[in-house]
Amino acid sequence: QVQLVESGGGSVQAGGSLRLSCTTSGLIFSNYVMGWFRQAPGKEREFVAAISRGGVTTAYADSVKGRFIISRHNAKNTVYLQMNSLKPEDTAVYYCAADRTAWGSSARVSTPVDYDYWGQGTQVTVSS
């Protein structure tokens, strides 16, 4: 059974930092592109960042570029999202996702429907 479990969410003031983790089981982690998405109340789920199987290639939404960093540790079956200079508009439930298809393009990895497995999400709240 495949499981993705996010952790590290919480409440922080604007300008602060948080580090999200997503630990997986039941899959060969190094065979999956990993992504982070977020969903704010009343809004659609949106792409945040993605990382290739080997961790060499990354992609970011324009809204987080320069502030967030995605990384992975294949031996620990874990993907991370370091979030710096947080803004109130970053408030959302953050989800990690796994895609078994090889990295095709930045456009593809930013599309939620292309991912095969999802975690349950972790809440991030940024106050002004």
C-alpha atoms as a PDB file:
ATOM      1  CA  GLN A   1       0.000   0.000   0.000  1.00  0.00           C
ATOM      2  CA  VAL A   2       1.429   3.339  -1.059  1.00  0.00           C
ATOM      3  CA  GLN A   3       1.481   6.066   1.573  1.00  0.00           C
ATOM      4  CA  LEU A   4       2.665   9.672   1.467  1.00  0.00           C
ATOM      5  CA  VAL A   5       2.722  11.454   4.811  1.00  0.00           C
ATOM      6  CA  GLU A   6       3.379  15.181   5.069  1.00  0.00           C
ATOM      7  CA  SER A   7       4.622  16.901   8.206  1.00  0.00           C
ATOM      8  CA  GLY A   8       6.096  20.223   9.280  1.00  0.00           C
ATOM      9  CA  GLY A   9       3.138  22.493   8.728  1.00  0.00           C
ATOM     10  CA  GLY A  10       2.044  25.057  11.272  1.00  0.00           C
ATOM     11  CA  SER A  11       1.459  28.722  11.952  1.00  0.00           C
ATOM     12  CA  VAL A  12       4.121  31.339  11.348  1.00  0.00           C
ATOM     13  CA  GLN A  13       4.327  35.101  10.977  1.00  0.00           C
ATOM     14  CA  ALA A  14       5.009  36.737   7.646  1.00  0.00           C
ATOM     15  CA  GLY A  15       8.700  36.633   6.823  1.00  0.00           C
ATOM     16  CA  GLY A  16       9.204  33.394   8.718  1.00  0.00           C
ATOM     17  CA  SER A  17      10.213  29.949   7.500  1.00  0.00           C
ATOM     18  CA  LEU A  18       8.902  26.405   7.609  1.00  0.00           C
ATOM     19  CA  ARG A  19      10.250  23.122   6.307  1.00  0.00           C
ATOM     20  CA  LEU A  20       7.771  20.550   5.094  1.00  0.00           C
ATOM     21  CA  SER A  21       8.632  16.879   4.795  1.00  0.00           C
ATOM     22  CA  CYS A  22       6.876  14.098   2.921  1.00  0.00           C
ATOM     23  CA  THR A  23       7.871  10.555   3.766  1.00  0.00           C
ATOM     24  CA  THR A  24       6.743   7.777   1.456  1.00  0.00           C
ATOM     25  CA  SER A  25       6.309   4.031   1.725  1.00  0.00           C
ATOM     26  CA  GLY A  26       5.082   1.263  -0.522  1.00  0.00           C
ATOM     27  CA  LEU A  27       6.784   2.570  -3.655  1.00  0.00           C
ATOM     28  CA  ILE A  28      10.273   2.736  -5.116  1.00  0.00           C
ATOM     29  CA  PHE A  29      10.832   6.360  -4.243  1.00  0.00           C
ATOM     30  CA  SER A  30      13.716   6.951  -6.638  1.00  0.00           C
ATOM     31  CA  ASN A  31      11.462   5.977  -9.560  1.00  0.00           C
ATOM     32  CA  TYR A  32       9.078   8.868  -8.942  1.00  0.00           C
ATOM     33  CA  VAL A  33       9.022  12.533  -9.768  1.00  0.00           C
ATOM     34  CA  MET A  34       7.849  14.297  -6.618  1.00  0.00           C
ATOM     35  CA  GLY A  35       5.768  17.431  -6.443  1.00  0.00           C
ATOM     36  CA  TRP A  36       4.320  19.831  -3.916  1.00  0.00           C
ATOM     37  CA  PHE A  37       0.931  21.437  -4.460  1.00  0.00           C
ATOM     38  CA  ARG A  38      -1.240  23.657  -2.300  1.00  0.00           C
ATOM     39  CA  GLN A  39      -4.893  24.508  -1.983  1.00  0.00           C
ATOM     40  CA  ALA A  40      -6.325  27.548  -0.257  1.00  0.00           C
ATOM     41  CA  PRO A  41      -9.992  27.737   0.808  1.00  0.00           C
ATOM     42  CA  GLY A  42     -12.233  28.351  -2.181  1.00  0.00           C
ATOM     43  CA  LYS A  43      -9.407  27.951  -4.667  1.00  0.00           C
ATOM     44  CA  GLU A  44      -8.223  25.191  -6.955  1.00  0.00           C
ATOM     45  CA  ARG A  45      -5.194  23.093  -6.134  1.00  0.00           C
ATOM     46  CA  GLU A  46      -2.095  24.767  -7.547  1.00  0.00           C
ATOM     47  CA  PHE A  47       1.411  23.690  -8.348  1.00  0.00           C
ATOM     48  CA  VAL A  48       4.215  24.785  -6.023  1.00  0.00           C
ATOM     49  CA  ALA A  49       7.339  22.816  -6.938  1.00  0.00           C
ATOM     50  CA  ALA A  50       8.575  19.540  -8.413  1.00  0.00           C
ATOM     51  CA  ILE A  51      11.812  17.589  -8.464  1.00  0.00           C
ATOM     52  CA  SER A  52      13.071  14.902 -10.821  1.00  0.00           C
ATOM     53  CA  ARG A  53      13.843  11.353  -9.784  1.00  0.00           C
ATOM     54  CA  GLY A  54      17.518  11.991  -9.204  1.00  0.00           C
ATOM     55  CA  GLY A  55      17.018  15.478  -7.803  1.00  0.00           C
ATOM     56  CA  VAL A  56      18.911  17.203 -10.596  1.00  0.00           C
ATOM     57  CA  THR A  57      15.977  19.040 -12.178  1.00  0.00           C
ATOM     58  CA  THR A  58      13.501  21.233 -10.339  1.00  0.00           C
ATOM     59  CA  ALA A  59      10.604  23.471 -11.257  1.00  0.00           C
ATOM     60  CA  TYR A  60       8.800  26.162  -9.288  1.00  0.00           C
ATOM     61  CA  ALA A  61       5.673  28.237  -9.561  1.00  0.00           C
ATOM     62  CA  ASP A  62       6.496  31.871 -10.233  1.00  0.00           C
ATOM     63  CA  SER A  63       4.830  32.838  -6.954  1.00  0.00           C
ATOM     64  CA  VAL A  64       7.383  30.903  -4.873  1.00  0.00           C
ATOM     65  CA  LYS A  65      10.497  31.107  -7.041  1.00  0.00           C
ATOM     66  CA  GLY A  66      13.431  32.431  -5.026  1.00  0.00           C
ATOM     67  CA  ARG A  67      11.679  31.750  -1.700  1.00  0.00           C
ATOM     68  CA  PHE A  68      10.983  27.985  -1.694  1.00  0.00           C
ATOM     69  CA  ILE A  69      13.424  25.141  -2.270  1.00  0.00           C
ATOM     70  CA  ILE A  70      12.454  21.561  -3.059  1.00  0.00           C
ATOM     71  CA  SER A  71      14.876  18.736  -2.348  1.00  0.00           C
ATOM     72  CA  ARG A  72      14.815  14.988  -1.862  1.00  0.00           C
ATOM     73  CA  HIS A  73      16.740  12.280  -0.049  1.00  0.00           C
ATOM     74  CA  ASN A  74      16.202   9.044  -1.939  1.00  0.00           C
ATOM     75  CA  ALA A  75      17.767   6.865   0.751  1.00  0.00           C
ATOM     76  CA  LYS A  76      15.214   8.231   3.232  1.00  0.00           C
ATOM     77  CA  ASN A  77      12.269   8.085   0.777  1.00  0.00           C
ATOM     78  CA  THR A  78      11.563  11.708   1.639  1.00  0.00           C
ATOM     79  CA  VAL A  79      10.994  14.943  -0.230  1.00  0.00           C
ATOM     80  CA  TYR A  80      11.281  18.355   1.429  1.00  0.00           C
ATOM     81  CA  LEU A  81       9.999  21.851   0.834  1.00  0.00           C
ATOM     82  CA  GLN A  82      11.947  24.629   2.514  1.00  0.00           C
ATOM     83  CA  MET A  83       9.741  27.709   2.623  1.00  0.00           C
ATOM     84  CA  ASN A  84      11.371  31.057   3.377  1.00  0.00           C
ATOM     85  CA  SER A  85      10.099  34.636   3.441  1.00  0.00           C
ATOM     86  CA  LEU A  86       6.572  33.362   3.881  1.00  0.00           C
ATOM     87  CA  LYS A  87       3.656  35.601   2.962  1.00  0.00           C
ATOM     88  CA  PRO A  88       0.007  35.503   4.063  1.00  0.00           C
ATOM     89  CA  GLU A  89      -0.915  34.413   0.525  1.00  0.00           C
ATOM     90  CA  ASP A  90       1.107  31.232   1.086  1.00  0.00           C
ATOM     91  CA  THR A  91      -1.565  30.093   3.540  1.00  0.00           C
ATOM     92  CA  ALA A  92      -2.989  26.777   2.292  1.00  0.00           C
ATOM     93  CA  VAL A  93      -3.043  23.049   2.769  1.00  0.00           C
ATOM     94  CA  TYR A  94       0.148  21.679   1.233  1.00  0.00           C
ATOM     95  CA  TYR A  95       0.158  18.276  -0.459  1.00  0.00           C
ATOM     96  CA  CYS A  96       2.976  16.146  -1.740  1.00  0.00           C
ATOM     97  CA  ALA A  97       2.430  13.914  -4.749  1.00  0.00           C
ATOM     98  CA  ALA A  98       4.280  11.187  -6.654  1.00  0.00           C
ATOM     99  CA  ASP A  99       4.391  10.715 -10.424  1.00  0.00           C
ATOM    100  CA  ARG A 100       5.813   7.498 -11.877  1.00  0.00           C
ATOM    101  CA  THR A 101       6.317   9.023 -15.311  1.00  0.00           C
ATOM    102  CA  ALA A 102       9.757  10.372 -16.097  1.00  0.00           C
ATOM    103  CA  TRP A 103      10.234  14.145 -16.157  1.00  0.00           C
ATOM    104  CA  GLY A 104       8.858  15.305 -19.473  1.00  0.00           C
ATOM    105  CA  SER A 105       8.592  19.033 -19.085  1.00  0.00           C
ATOM    106  CA  SER A 106       8.009  21.694 -16.477  1.00  0.00           C
ATOM    107  CA  ALA A 107       4.480  22.057 -17.837  1.00  0.00           C
ATOM    108  CA  ARG A 108       3.746  18.396 -17.273  1.00  0.00           C
ATOM    109  CA  VAL A 109       5.052  18.186 -13.715  1.00  0.00           C
ATOM    110  CA  SER A 110       2.918  21.177 -12.745  1.00  0.00           C
ATOM    111  CA  THR A 111      -0.323  19.388 -13.654  1.00  0.00           C
ATOM    112  CA  PRO A 112      -2.054  17.693 -10.689  1.00  0.00           C
ATOM    113  CA  VAL A 113      -3.903  15.133 -12.803  1.00  0.00           C
ATOM    114  CA  ASP A 114      -0.615  13.580 -13.944  1.00  0.00           C
ATOM    115  CA  TYR A 115       0.345  12.501 -10.422  1.00  0.00           C
ATOM    116  CA  ASP A 116      -0.432   8.988  -9.245  1.00  0.00           C
ATOM    117  CA  TYR A 117      -0.340   9.242  -5.456  1.00  0.00           C
ATOM    118  CA  TRP A 118      -1.135  11.993  -2.961  1.00  0.00           C
ATOM    119  CA  GLY A 119      -0.633  12.656   0.704  1.00  0.00           C
ATOM    120  CA  GLN A 120      -3.324  13.856   3.076  1.00  0.00           C
ATOM    121  CA  GLY A 121      -1.948  17.387   3.323  1.00  0.00           C
ATOM    122  CA  THR A 122      -0.529  19.625   6.032  1.00  0.00           C
ATOM    123  CA  GLN A 123      -1.842  23.070   6.940  1.00  0.00           C
ATOM    124  CA  VAL A 124       0.388  26.126   6.622  1.00  0.00           C
ATOM    125  CA  THR A 125      -0.926  29.391   8.029  1.00  0.00           C
ATOM    126  CA  VAL A 126       0.972  32.654   7.616  1.00  0.00           C
ATOM    127  CA  SER A 127      -0.226  35.665   9.588  1.00  0.00           C
ATOM    128  CA  SER A 128       0.563  39.275   8.765  1.00  0.00           C
END
